[in-house]
Amino acid sequence: MPMSKPDRDSSKNRKVAPKNAVASLGGSLRPLLPLLVIVILIAGAVYGLEHVRYRVLAQPEFHSAVRVELADPPDWLVREQWTPHILAGFQPGVSRLVDDGQLVRNVAELLKSSGWVQKVHRVTRGMDGTVRVSCDYRRPIAMLCTKLNGKEVYIPVDREGYRLPETFEHLEPDSGWSGWLRLIGVRTPVPKENAQFEGEDARAAIQLATVISDRGGIVASRISAIDVSNLLHPRDRRKSPIVLWRADSLYRIRWGSPIGREIEEPSAEEKLTSIALMLRGGGPQAEVDVSTYADAVIVPAAGTSAASSGVQTADRGRPQDR
């Protein structure tokens, strides 16, 4: 049936309406086209620059380890030459491709897991790329002698009994570590790094080492070792549980019981005072005992055994009868 004129006009209007809508939308978007082009160009430029940056930084000369420095290290750390040992424990093996934030976090995690570090205060990266760290460090007070893999070695320990990183095979004068107080005769199993020694013999030796270190002076300089080999399972109950070795003599000092377990013995402070006064006077060339009298040491009388000994006052050095 032929379409009437009103119907033909209505159909024509419907075809014209979408064309007008598209034209209207295109007209409204036309001012935004320059802005859209600019955005696309900027995005392309950024992508291109980042691509070039990563290509350049991937070259070997830009793929080196990051330098780490200790910020304001304590005097003892520098004086006792522990700085290179500490730095060797947490040098990050990362490239400069890692962004600053991630690099700082990586170094902080390494510090927290290091046996040298007690507390991390701050980690920053400077304009020169150097990472600087500020921490509280664990200070070694003695070298504990033990066996690892069937070999005798020395392990640094701090005053809280933590095993610090590294081991040393020799403490002879030419080793550079000869001045350290040694803890010998310890039978306690060795813990992992950054863990504490828990055995009674190790704890007793470390506690006494701490007291000697804090006192300093002639006692710290003349006592070379703390021997606890007769503490846990005494091979000879007549012998002292703890014996001190002198650096200036082959004769030993009978210390007695561990600190805090003394029964009718002088205090640790009284024993150290007796030892200091004895050493200032040159010290007798004999084994002495400081576990009986608060102001005197027991030394064997000339030509007699230790069982038949005399008492020598620490301050005057004159033999007395018991």
C-alpha atoms as a PDB file:
ATOM      1  CA  MET A   1       0.000   0.000   0.000  1.00  0.00           C
ATOM      2  CA  PRO A   2       1.397   3.399  -0.925  1.00  0.00           C
ATOM      3  CA  MET A   3       2.608   5.472   2.094  1.00  0.00           C
ATOM      4  CA  SER A   4       0.606   8.577   2.741  1.00  0.00           C
ATOM      5  CA  LYS A   5       2.323  11.955   2.821  1.00  0.00           C
ATOM      6  CA  PRO A   6       2.106  12.378   6.609  1.00  0.00           C
ATOM      7  CA  ASP A   7       3.751   9.008   7.019  1.00  0.00           C
ATOM      8  CA  ARG A   8       6.570   9.910   4.607  1.00  0.00           C
ATOM      9  CA  ASP A   9       7.243  13.156   6.482  1.00  0.00           C
ATOM     10  CA  SER A  10       7.372  11.350   9.862  1.00  0.00           C
ATOM     11  CA  SER A  11       9.876   8.772   8.550  1.00  0.00           C
ATOM     12  CA  LYS A  12      12.064  11.509   7.091  1.00  0.00           C
ATOM     13  CA  ASN A  13      12.092  13.340  10.416  1.00  0.00           C
ATOM     14  CA  ARG A  14      13.197  10.190  12.252  1.00  0.00           C
ATOM     15  CA  LYS A  15      16.193   9.791   9.881  1.00  0.00           C
ATOM     16  CA  VAL A  16      17.204  13.397  10.241  1.00  0.00           C
ATOM     17  CA  ALA A  17      17.081  13.355  14.130  1.00  0.00           C
ATOM     18  CA  PRO A  18      20.075  10.938  14.665  1.00  0.00           C
ATOM     19  CA  LYS A  19      22.181  12.903  12.200  1.00  0.00           C
ATOM     20  CA  ASN A  20      21.453  16.074  14.116  1.00  0.00           C
ATOM     21  CA  ALA A  21      22.375  14.364  17.457  1.00  0.00           C
ATOM     22  CA  VAL A  22      25.741  13.122  16.098  1.00  0.00           C
ATOM     23  CA  ALA A  23      26.471  16.528  14.661  1.00  0.00           C
ATOM     24  CA  SER A  24      25.597  18.137  17.989  1.00  0.00           C
ATOM     25  CA  LEU A  25      27.847  15.706  19.968  1.00  0.00           C
ATOM     26  CA  GLY A  26      30.720  16.205  17.521  1.00  0.00           C
ATOM     27  CA  GLY A  27      30.357  19.936  17.860  1.00  0.00           C
ATOM     28  CA  SER A  28      30.540  19.767  21.652  1.00  0.00           C
ATOM     29  CA  LEU A  29      33.645  17.487  21.630  1.00  0.00           C
ATOM     30  CA  ARG A  30      35.517  19.424  18.970  1.00  0.00           C
ATOM     31  CA  PRO A  31      37.010  21.938  21.494  1.00  0.00           C
ATOM     32  CA  LEU A  32      38.367  19.009  23.578  1.00  0.00           C
ATOM     33  CA  LEU A  33      40.277  17.426  20.706  1.00  0.00           C
ATOM     34  CA  PRO A  34      43.425  19.560  21.153  1.00  0.00           C
ATOM     35  CA  LEU A  35      43.494  18.719  24.847  1.00  0.00           C
ATOM     36  CA  LEU A  36      43.088  15.004  24.090  1.00  0.00           C
ATOM     37  CA  VAL A  37      45.955  15.159  21.602  1.00  0.00           C
ATOM     38  CA  ILE A  38      48.177  16.866  24.183  1.00  0.00           C
ATOM     39  CA  VAL A  39      47.376  14.181  26.795  1.00  0.00           C
ATOM     40  CA  ILE A  40      48.238  11.413  24.338  1.00  0.00           C
ATOM     41  CA  LEU A  41      51.511  13.117  23.410  1.00  0.00           C
ATOM     42  CA  ILE A  42      52.506  13.570  27.081  1.00  0.00           C
ATOM     43  CA  ALA A  43      51.698   9.943  27.899  1.00  0.00           C
ATOM     44  CA  GLY A  44      53.742   8.788  24.944  1.00  0.00           C
ATOM     45  CA  ALA A  45      56.674  10.994  25.951  1.00  0.00           C
ATOM     46  CA  VAL A  46      56.614   9.718  29.554  1.00  0.00           C
ATOM     47  CA  TYR A  47      56.502   6.104  28.400  1.00  0.00           C
ATOM     48  CA  GLY A  48      59.360   6.723  25.999  1.00  0.00           C
ATOM     49  CA  LEU A  49      61.518   8.419  28.620  1.00  0.00           C
ATOM     50  CA  GLU A  50      60.908   5.635  31.166  1.00  0.00           C
ATOM     51  CA  HIS A  51      61.775   3.048  28.544  1.00  0.00           C
ATOM     52  CA  VAL A  52      65.024   4.849  27.750  1.00  0.00           C
ATOM     53  CA  ARG A  53      65.772   5.271  31.476  1.00  0.00           C
ATOM     54  CA  TYR A  54      65.450   1.567  32.190  1.00  0.00           C
ATOM     55  CA  ARG A  55      67.523   0.710  29.134  1.00  0.00           C
ATOM     56  CA  VAL A  56      70.301   3.040  30.302  1.00  0.00           C
ATOM     57  CA  LEU A  57      70.174   1.977  33.954  1.00  0.00           C
ATOM     58  CA  ALA A  58      70.323  -1.667  32.909  1.00  0.00           C
ATOM     59  CA  GLN A  59      73.890  -1.135  31.687  1.00  0.00           C
ATOM     60  CA  PRO A  60      76.615  -2.742  33.924  1.00  0.00           C
ATOM     61  CA  GLU A  61      77.978   0.579  35.158  1.00  0.00           C
ATOM     62  CA  PHE A  62      74.555   1.393  36.640  1.00  0.00           C
ATOM     63  CA  HIS A  63      74.096  -2.069  38.155  1.00  0.00           C
ATOM     64  CA  SER A  64      76.480  -1.835  41.128  1.00  0.00           C
ATOM     65  CA  ALA A  65      75.943  -2.486  44.814  1.00  0.00           C
ATOM     66  CA  VAL A  66      74.632   0.348  46.934  1.00  0.00           C
ATOM     67  CA  ARG A  67      77.042   2.043  49.340  1.00  0.00           C
ATOM     68  CA  VAL A  68      76.045   1.977  53.013  1.00  0.00           C
ATOM     69  CA  GLU A  69      77.545   4.130  55.774  1.00  0.00           C
ATOM     70  CA  LEU A  70      77.078   4.177  59.550  1.00  0.00           C
ATOM     71  CA  ALA A  71      75.768   7.555  60.677  1.00  0.00           C
ATOM     72  CA  ASP A  72      77.360   8.789  63.917  1.00  0.00           C
ATOM     73  CA  PRO A  73      78.817   5.414  65.021  1.00  0.00           C
ATOM     74  CA  PRO A  74      79.752   5.142  68.725  1.00  0.00           C
ATOM     75  CA  ASP A  75      83.399   5.686  69.655  1.00  0.00           C
ATOM     76  CA  TRP A  76      83.960   2.084  70.727  1.00  0.00           C
ATOM     77  CA  LEU A  77      82.852   0.779  67.339  1.00  0.00           C
ATOM     78  CA  VAL A  78      85.494   2.833  65.526  1.00  0.00           C
ATOM     79  CA  ARG A  79      88.184   2.351  68.174  1.00  0.00           C
ATOM     80  CA  GLU A  80      87.786  -1.438  68.237  1.00  0.00           C
ATOM     81  CA  GLN A  81      87.664  -1.558  64.414  1.00  0.00           C
ATOM     82  CA  TRP A  82      84.303  -3.290  64.100  1.00  0.00           C
ATOM     83  CA  THR A  83      82.946  -0.963  61.394  1.00  0.00           C
ATOM     84  CA  PRO A  84      83.977  -3.052  58.345  1.00  0.00           C
ATOM     85  CA  HIS A  85      82.718  -6.224  60.031  1.00  0.00           C
ATOM     86  CA  ILE A  86      79.328  -4.673  60.706  1.00  0.00           C
ATOM     87  CA  LEU A  87      79.001  -3.194  57.212  1.00  0.00           C
ATOM     88  CA  ALA A  88      79.895  -6.526  55.625  1.00  0.00           C
ATOM     89  CA  GLY A  89      76.881  -8.049  57.339  1.00  0.00           C
ATOM     90  CA  PHE A  90      74.222  -5.972  55.610  1.00  0.00           C
ATOM     91  CA  GLN A  91      75.539  -4.594  52.327  1.00  0.00           C
ATOM     92  CA  PRO A  92      72.478  -4.841  50.050  1.00  0.00           C
ATOM     93  CA  GLY A  93      73.133  -6.715  46.838  1.00  0.00           C
ATOM     94  CA  VAL A  94      70.647  -4.656  44.865  1.00  0.00           C
ATOM     95  CA  SER A  95      70.960  -2.453  41.812  1.00  0.00           C
ATOM     96  CA  ARG A  96      70.022   1.163  41.418  1.00  0.00           C
ATOM     97  CA  LEU A  97      66.948   0.127  39.508  1.00  0.00           C
ATOM     98  CA  VAL A  98      65.230  -0.210  42.872  1.00  0.00           C
ATOM     99  CA  ASP A  99      63.474   3.004  43.831  1.00  0.00           C
ATOM    100  CA  ASP A 100      64.614   4.906  46.916  1.00  0.00           C
ATOM    101  CA  GLY A 101      61.689   3.868  49.098  1.00  0.00           C
ATOM    102  CA  GLN A 102      62.107   0.182  48.371  1.00  0.00           C
ATOM    103  CA  LEU A 103      65.884   0.386  48.808  1.00  0.00           C
ATOM    104  CA  VAL A 104      65.553   2.021  52.233  1.00  0.00           C
ATOM    105  CA  ARG A 105      63.052  -0.667  53.285  1.00  0.00           C
ATOM    106  CA  ASN A 106      65.405  -3.414  52.058  1.00  0.00           C
ATOM    107  CA  VAL A 107      68.314  -2.036  54.065  1.00  0.00           C
ATOM    108  CA  ALA A 108      66.122  -1.615  57.168  1.00  0.00           C
ATOM    109  CA  GLU A 109      65.089  -5.278  56.978  1.00  0.00           C
ATOM    110  CA  LEU A 110      68.717  -6.360  56.630  1.00  0.00           C
ATOM    111  CA  LEU A 111      69.609  -4.283  59.685  1.00  0.00           C
ATOM    112  CA  LYS A 112      66.839  -5.807  61.795  1.00  0.00           C
ATOM    113  CA  SER A 113      68.055  -9.312  61.029  1.00  0.00           C
ATOM    114  CA  SER A 114      71.720  -8.477  61.681  1.00  0.00           C
ATOM    115  CA  GLY A 115      73.228  -9.809  64.887  1.00  0.00           C
ATOM    116  CA  TRP A 116      75.204  -6.571  65.248  1.00  0.00           C
ATOM    117  CA  VAL A 117      72.135  -4.324  65.486  1.00  0.00           C
ATOM    118  CA  GLN A 118      70.117  -3.943  68.655  1.00  0.00           C
ATOM    119  CA  LYS A 119      67.729  -1.244  67.411  1.00  0.00           C
ATOM    120  CA  VAL A 120      67.246   0.601  64.106  1.00  0.00           C
ATOM    121  CA  HIS A 121      66.608   4.328  64.494  1.00  0.00           C
ATOM    122  CA  ARG A 122      66.800   5.716  60.974  1.00  0.00           C
ATOM    123  CA  VAL A 123      67.652   4.732  57.388  1.00  0.00           C
ATOM    124  CA  THR A 124      67.995   7.447  54.732  1.00  0.00           C
ATOM    125  CA  ARG A 125      69.386   7.781  51.228  1.00  0.00           C
ATOM    126  CA  GLY A 126      71.319  10.917  50.326  1.00  0.00           C
ATOM    127  CA  MET A 127      71.529  12.806  47.058  1.00  0.00           C
ATOM    128  CA  ASP A 128      74.789  10.996  46.286  1.00  0.00           C
ATOM    129  CA  GLY A 129      73.011   7.644  46.485  1.00  0.00           C
ATOM    130  CA  THR A 130      74.671   6.587  49.750  1.00  0.00           C
ATOM    131  CA  VAL A 131      72.414   4.908  52.301  1.00  0.00           C
ATOM    132  CA  ARG A 132      73.125   6.098  55.844  1.00  0.00           C
ATOM    133  CA  VAL A 133      71.931   4.125  58.845  1.00  0.00           C
ATOM    134  CA  SER A 134      71.587   5.118  62.490  1.00  0.00           C
ATOM    135  CA  CYS A 135      71.344   2.229  64.969  1.00  0.00           C
ATOM    136  CA  ASP A 136      72.146   0.965  68.441  1.00  0.00           C
ATOM    137  CA  TYR A 137      74.807  -1.726  68.115  1.00  0.00           C
ATOM    138  CA  ARG A 138      75.698  -4.739  70.237  1.00  0.00           C
ATOM    139  CA  ARG A 139      79.203  -4.342  71.611  1.00  0.00           C
ATOM    140  CA  PRO A 140      81.409  -7.424  71.964  1.00  0.00           C
ATOM    141  CA  ILE A 141      82.850  -7.855  75.458  1.00  0.00           C
ATOM    142  CA  ALA A 142      84.641 -11.190  75.033  1.00  0.00           C
ATOM    143  CA  MET A 143      85.509 -14.017  72.654  1.00  0.00           C
ATOM    144  CA  LEU A 144      83.891 -17.325  73.556  1.00  0.00           C
ATOM    145  CA  CYS A 145      85.926 -20.399  72.643  1.00  0.00           C
ATOM    146  CA  THR A 146      83.912 -23.296  71.232  1.00  0.00           C
ATOM    147  CA  LYS A 147      83.921 -25.904  68.486  1.00  0.00           C
ATOM    148  CA  LEU A 148      82.122 -25.564  65.158  1.00  0.00           C
ATOM    149  CA  ASN A 149      82.332 -28.329  62.575  1.00  0.00           C
ATOM    150  CA  GLY A 150      85.029 -30.007  64.626  1.00  0.00           C
ATOM    151  CA  LYS A 151      87.254 -26.911  64.641  1.00  0.00           C
ATOM    152  CA  GLU A 152      88.072 -24.712  67.619  1.00  0.00           C
ATOM    153  CA  VAL A 153      86.956 -21.126  66.988  1.00  0.00           C
ATOM    154  CA  TYR A 154      86.233 -17.924  68.895  1.00  0.00           C
ATOM    155  CA  ILE A 155      82.839 -16.235  68.729  1.00  0.00           C
ATOM    156  CA  PRO A 156      82.271 -12.617  69.853  1.00  0.00           C
ATOM    157  CA  VAL A 157      79.508 -12.205  72.460  1.00  0.00           C
ATOM    158  CA  ASP A 158      77.908  -9.132  74.004  1.00  0.00           C
ATOM    159  CA  ARG A 159      76.981  -8.454  77.617  1.00  0.00           C
ATOM    160  CA  GLU A 160      73.496  -9.911  77.158  1.00  0.00           C
ATOM    161  CA  GLY A 161      74.888 -13.199  75.898  1.00  0.00           C
ATOM    162  CA  TYR A 162      74.028 -12.720  72.223  1.00  0.00           C
ATOM    163  CA  ARG A 163      76.141 -14.556  69.701  1.00  0.00           C
ATOM    164  CA  LEU A 164      77.438 -11.944  67.274  1.00  0.00           C
ATOM    165  CA  PRO A 165      78.292 -12.623  63.621  1.00  0.00           C
ATOM    166  CA  GLU A 166      81.652 -13.968  62.463  1.00  0.00           C
ATOM    167  CA  THR A 167      84.086 -16.459  63.932  1.00  0.00           C
ATOM    168  CA  PHE A 168      87.837 -16.222  64.488  1.00  0.00           C
ATOM    169  CA  GLU A 169      90.266 -19.114  64.381  1.00  0.00           C
ATOM    170  CA  HIS A 170      93.165 -17.374  66.077  1.00  0.00           C
ATOM    171  CA  LEU A 171      93.653 -14.792  68.822  1.00  0.00           C
ATOM    172  CA  GLU A 172      97.451 -14.811  68.791  1.00  0.00           C
ATOM    173  CA  PRO A 173      99.391 -11.512  69.031  1.00  0.00           C
ATOM    174  CA  ASP A 174      99.786 -11.334  65.240  1.00  0.00           C
ATOM    175  CA  SER A 175      96.071 -11.894  64.623  1.00  0.00           C
ATOM    176  CA  GLY A 176      95.001  -8.385  65.648  1.00  0.00           C
ATOM    177  CA  TRP A 177      92.581  -9.812  68.243  1.00  0.00           C
ATOM    178  CA  SER A 178      95.004 -10.811  70.999  1.00  0.00           C
ATOM    179  CA  GLY A 179      93.717  -8.283  73.543  1.00  0.00           C
ATOM    180  CA  TRP A 180      90.258  -9.791  73.871  1.00  0.00           C
ATOM    181  CA  LEU A 181      89.105 -11.527  77.044  1.00  0.00           C
ATOM    182  CA  ARG A 182      88.558 -15.205  76.250  1.00  0.00           C
ATOM    183  CA  LEU A 183      85.806 -17.412  77.695  1.00  0.00           C
ATOM    184  CA  ILE A 184      87.043 -21.000  77.758  1.00  0.00           C
ATOM    185  CA  GLY A 185      85.692 -24.331  78.960  1.00  0.00           C
ATOM    186  CA  VAL A 186      82.113 -23.548  77.857  1.00  0.00           C
ATOM    187  CA  ARG A 187      80.191 -26.730  77.038  1.00  0.00           C
ATOM    188  CA  THR A 188      76.872 -25.111  76.197  1.00  0.00           C
ATOM    189  CA  PRO A 189      75.757 -25.690  72.567  1.00  0.00           C
ATOM    190  CA  VAL A 190      76.331 -22.703  70.309  1.00  0.00           C
ATOM    191  CA  PRO A 191      73.114 -20.865  69.336  1.00  0.00           C
ATOM    192  CA  LYS A 192      72.406 -19.334  65.957  1.00  0.00           C
ATOM    193  CA  GLU A 193      73.636 -15.833  65.211  1.00  0.00           C
ATOM    194  CA  ASN A 194      71.558 -13.135  66.889  1.00  0.00           C
ATOM    195  CA  ALA A 195      70.448 -15.604  69.595  1.00  0.00           C
ATOM    196  CA  GLN A 196      71.509 -15.848  73.253  1.00  0.00           C
ATOM    197  CA  PHE A 197      73.629 -18.471  74.958  1.00  0.00           C
ATOM    198  CA  GLU A 198      71.386 -20.196  77.479  1.00  0.00           C
ATOM    199  CA  GLY A 199      73.693 -22.634  79.300  1.00  0.00           C
ATOM    200  CA  GLU A 200      74.701 -22.030  82.904  1.00  0.00           C
ATOM    201  CA  ASP A 201      78.425 -22.091  82.153  1.00  0.00           C
ATOM    202  CA  ALA A 202      78.152 -19.648  79.267  1.00  0.00           C
ATOM    203  CA  ARG A 203      75.925 -17.282  81.235  1.00  0.00           C
ATOM    204  CA  ALA A 204      78.282 -17.358  84.248  1.00  0.00           C
ATOM    205  CA  ALA A 205      81.316 -16.611  82.070  1.00  0.00           C
ATOM    206  CA  ILE A 206      79.566 -13.772  80.195  1.00  0.00           C
ATOM    207  CA  GLN A 207      78.260 -12.226  83.424  1.00  0.00           C
ATOM    208  CA  LEU A 208      81.741 -12.198  84.952  1.00  0.00           C
ATOM    209  CA  ALA A 209      83.231 -10.854  81.714  1.00  0.00           C
ATOM    210  CA  THR A 210      80.731  -7.995  81.843  1.00  0.00           C
ATOM    211  CA  VAL A 211      81.684  -7.115  85.425  1.00  0.00           C
ATOM    212  CA  ILE A 212      85.402  -7.183  84.565  1.00  0.00           C
ATOM    213  CA  SER A 213      84.816  -5.082  81.442  1.00  0.00           C
ATOM    214  CA  ASP A 214      82.798  -2.486  83.371  1.00  0.00           C
ATOM    215  CA  ARG A 215      85.452  -2.242  86.061  1.00  0.00           C
ATOM    216  CA  GLY A 216      88.251  -1.718  83.543  1.00  0.00           C
ATOM    217  CA  GLY A 217      91.665  -0.694  84.797  1.00  0.00           C
ATOM    218  CA  ILE A 218      94.381  -3.166  85.751  1.00  0.00           C
ATOM    219  CA  VAL A 219      91.936  -6.053  86.231  1.00  0.00           C
ATOM    220  CA  ALA A 220      90.552  -5.800  82.692  1.00  0.00           C
ATOM    221  CA  SER A 221      94.040  -5.444  81.215  1.00  0.00           C
ATOM    222  CA  ARG A 222      95.677  -8.276  83.189  1.00  0.00           C
ATOM    223  CA  ILE A 223      92.952 -10.937  83.080  1.00  0.00           C
ATOM    224  CA  SER A 224      93.198 -12.808  79.781  1.00  0.00           C
ATOM    225  CA  ALA A 225      90.639 -15.593  80.181  1.00  0.00           C
ATOM    226  CA  ILE A 226      87.730 -16.888  82.257  1.00  0.00           C
ATOM    227  CA  ASP A 227      87.816 -20.676  82.582  1.00  0.00           C
ATOM    228  CA  VAL A 228      84.508 -22.395  83.468  1.00  0.00           C
ATOM    229  CA  SER A 229      85.510 -25.940  82.518  1.00  0.00           C
ATOM    230  CA  ASN A 230      85.048 -27.114  86.135  1.00  0.00           C
ATOM    231  CA  LEU A 231      81.636 -25.483  86.627  1.00  0.00           C
ATOM    232  CA  LEU A 232      78.944 -27.767  85.201  1.00  0.00           C
ATOM    233  CA  HIS A 233      80.417 -31.198  85.797  1.00  0.00           C
ATOM    234  CA  PRO A 234      83.387 -30.774  88.120  1.00  0.00           C
ATOM    235  CA  ARG A 235      86.197 -33.164  87.314  1.00  0.00           C
ATOM    236  CA  ASP A 236      87.805 -32.251  90.620  1.00  0.00           C
ATOM    237  CA  ARG A 237      85.601 -30.830  93.370  1.00  0.00           C
ATOM    238  CA  ARG A 238      88.663 -29.484  95.128  1.00  0.00           C
ATOM    239  CA  LYS A 239      89.210 -27.106  92.236  1.00  0.00           C
ATOM    240  CA  SER A 240      87.503 -23.759  91.854  1.00  0.00           C
ATOM    241  CA  PRO A 241      84.366 -23.728  89.655  1.00  0.00           C
ATOM    242  CA  ILE A 242      85.720 -20.627  87.888  1.00  0.00           C
ATOM    243  CA  VAL A 243      89.378 -19.806  87.329  1.00  0.00           C
ATOM    244  CA  LEU A 244      90.868 -16.588  85.938  1.00  0.00           C
ATOM    245  CA  TRP A 245      93.933 -16.643  83.713  1.00  0.00           C
ATOM    246  CA  ARG A 246      96.494 -13.872  84.022  1.00  0.00           C
ATOM    247  CA  ALA A 247      98.064 -12.230  80.987  1.00  0.00           C
ATOM    248  CA  ASP A 248     101.288 -11.541  82.865  1.00  0.00           C
ATOM    249  CA  SER A 249     101.770 -14.909  84.542  1.00  0.00           C
ATOM    250  CA  LEU A 250     101.194 -18.633  84.078  1.00  0.00           C
ATOM    251  CA  TYR A 251      99.659 -18.813  87.561  1.00  0.00           C
ATOM    252  CA  ARG A 252      95.878 -18.748  87.880  1.00  0.00           C
ATOM    253  CA  ILE A 253      93.416 -16.993  90.177  1.00  0.00           C
ATOM    254  CA  ARG A 254      90.752 -19.140  91.827  1.00  0.00           C
ATOM    255  CA  TRP A 255      87.588 -17.088  91.564  1.00  0.00           C
ATOM    256  CA  GLY A 256      85.105 -19.450  93.189  1.00  0.00           C
ATOM    257  CA  SER A 257      81.374 -19.626  92.434  1.00  0.00           C
ATOM    258  CA  PRO A 258      79.419 -17.777  89.707  1.00  0.00           C
ATOM    259  CA  ILE A 259      78.165 -14.306  90.566  1.00  0.00           C
ATOM    260  CA  GLY A 260      74.929 -14.553  92.544  1.00  0.00           C
ATOM    261  CA  ARG A 261      75.596 -18.098  93.727  1.00  0.00           C
ATOM    262  CA  GLU A 262      78.231 -17.340  96.340  1.00  0.00           C
ATOM    263  CA  ILE A 263      77.839 -19.109  99.687  1.00  0.00           C
ATOM    264  CA  GLU A 264      80.077 -17.688 102.397  1.00  0.00           C
ATOM    265  CA  GLU A 265      82.224 -16.062  99.737  1.00  0.00           C
ATOM    266  CA  PRO A 266      83.149 -12.422  99.222  1.00  0.00           C
ATOM    267  CA  SER A 267      81.086 -10.461  96.705  1.00  0.00           C
ATOM    268  CA  ALA A 268      82.256 -10.030  93.126  1.00  0.00           C
ATOM    269  CA  GLU A 269      83.244  -6.430  93.894  1.00  0.00           C
ATOM    270  CA  GLU A 270      85.313  -7.510  96.909  1.00  0.00           C
ATOM    271  CA  LYS A 271      87.050 -10.214  94.862  1.00  0.00           C
ATOM    272  CA  LEU A 272      87.893  -7.764  92.080  1.00  0.00           C
ATOM    273  CA  THR A 273      89.241  -5.259  94.612  1.00  0.00           C
ATOM    274  CA  SER A 274      91.525  -7.938  96.081  1.00  0.00           C
ATOM    275  CA  ILE A 275      92.715  -8.900  92.591  1.00  0.00           C
ATOM    276  CA  ALA A 276      93.374  -5.267  91.624  1.00  0.00           C
ATOM    277  CA  LEU A 277      95.436  -4.594  94.773  1.00  0.00           C
ATOM    278  CA  MET A 278      97.351  -7.836  94.280  1.00  0.00           C
ATOM    279  CA  LEU A 279      98.151  -7.055  90.647  1.00  0.00           C
ATOM    280  CA  ARG A 280      99.288  -3.515  91.462  1.00  0.00           C
ATOM    281  CA  GLY A 281     101.775  -5.022  93.878  1.00  0.00           C
ATOM    282  CA  GLY A 282     103.187  -7.250  91.167  1.00  0.00           C
ATOM    283  CA  GLY A 283     101.196 -10.300  92.185  1.00  0.00           C
ATOM    284  CA  PRO A 284     102.666 -13.419  93.813  1.00  0.00           C
ATOM    285  CA  GLN A 285     104.249 -15.946  91.478  1.00  0.00           C
ATOM    286  CA  ALA A 286     101.827 -18.604  92.608  1.00  0.00           C
ATOM    287  CA  GLU A 287      98.215 -19.603  92.189  1.00  0.00           C
ATOM    288  CA  VAL A 288      95.976 -17.512  94.461  1.00  0.00           C
ATOM    289  CA  ASP A 289      92.457 -17.879  95.810  1.00  0.00           C
ATOM    290  CA  VAL A 290      90.088 -14.905  96.265  1.00  0.00           C
ATOM    291  CA  SER A 291      86.990 -16.928  97.173  1.00  0.00           C
ATOM    292  CA  THR A 292      87.520 -17.088 100.953  1.00  0.00           C
ATOM    293  CA  TYR A 293      88.444 -13.675 102.371  1.00  0.00           C
ATOM    294  CA  ALA A 294      87.001 -10.286 101.454  1.00  0.00           C
ATOM    295  CA  ASP A 295      90.276  -8.414 101.951  1.00  0.00           C
ATOM    296  CA  ALA A 296      92.920 -11.041 101.304  1.00  0.00           C
ATOM    297  CA  VAL A 297      94.032 -13.763  98.926  1.00  0.00           C
ATOM    298  CA  ILE A 298      95.260 -17.239  99.772  1.00  0.00           C
ATOM    299  CA  VAL A 299      98.651 -18.187  98.353  1.00  0.00           C
ATOM    300  CA  PRO A 300     100.701 -21.338  98.904  1.00  0.00           C
ATOM    301  CA  ALA A 301     103.534 -20.837 101.373  1.00  0.00           C
ATOM    302  CA  ALA A 302     107.032 -21.336 100.029  1.00  0.00           C
ATOM    303  CA  GLY A 303     107.887 -25.015  99.689  1.00  0.00           C
ATOM    304  CA  THR A 304     104.356 -26.186 100.490  1.00  0.00           C
ATOM    305  CA  SER A 305     101.331 -27.312  98.512  1.00  0.00           C
ATOM    306  CA  ALA A 306      98.187 -25.303  97.991  1.00  0.00           C
ATOM    307  CA  ALA A 307      96.533 -27.303 100.738  1.00  0.00           C
ATOM    308  CA  SER A 308      99.056 -25.913 103.207  1.00  0.00           C
ATOM    309  CA  SER A 309      98.932 -22.269 102.326  1.00  0.00           C
ATOM    310  CA  GLY A 310      99.105 -18.901 103.949  1.00  0.00           C
ATOM    311  CA  VAL A 311      96.845 -15.872 103.788  1.00  0.00           C
ATOM    312  CA  GLN A 312      98.177 -12.709 102.145  1.00  0.00           C
ATOM    313  CA  THR A 313      96.389  -9.417 102.587  1.00  0.00           C
ATOM    314  CA  ALA A 314      95.552  -7.763  99.312  1.00  0.00           C
ATOM    315  CA  ASP A 315      96.626  -4.323 100.466  1.00  0.00           C
ATOM    316  CA  ARG A 316      99.869  -5.044 102.299  1.00  0.00           C
ATOM    317  CA  GLY A 317     101.132  -8.239 100.668  1.00  0.00           C
ATOM    318  CA  ARG A 318     102.330  -9.680 103.990  1.00  0.00           C
ATOM    319  CA  PRO A 319     101.742 -13.359 104.788  1.00  0.00           C
ATOM    320  CA  GLN A 320      99.549 -14.047 107.780  1.00  0.00           C
ATOM    321  CA  ASP A 321      98.622 -17.216 109.642  1.00  0.00           C
ATOM    322  CA  ARG A 322      95.118 -18.470 109.196  1.00  0.00           C
END
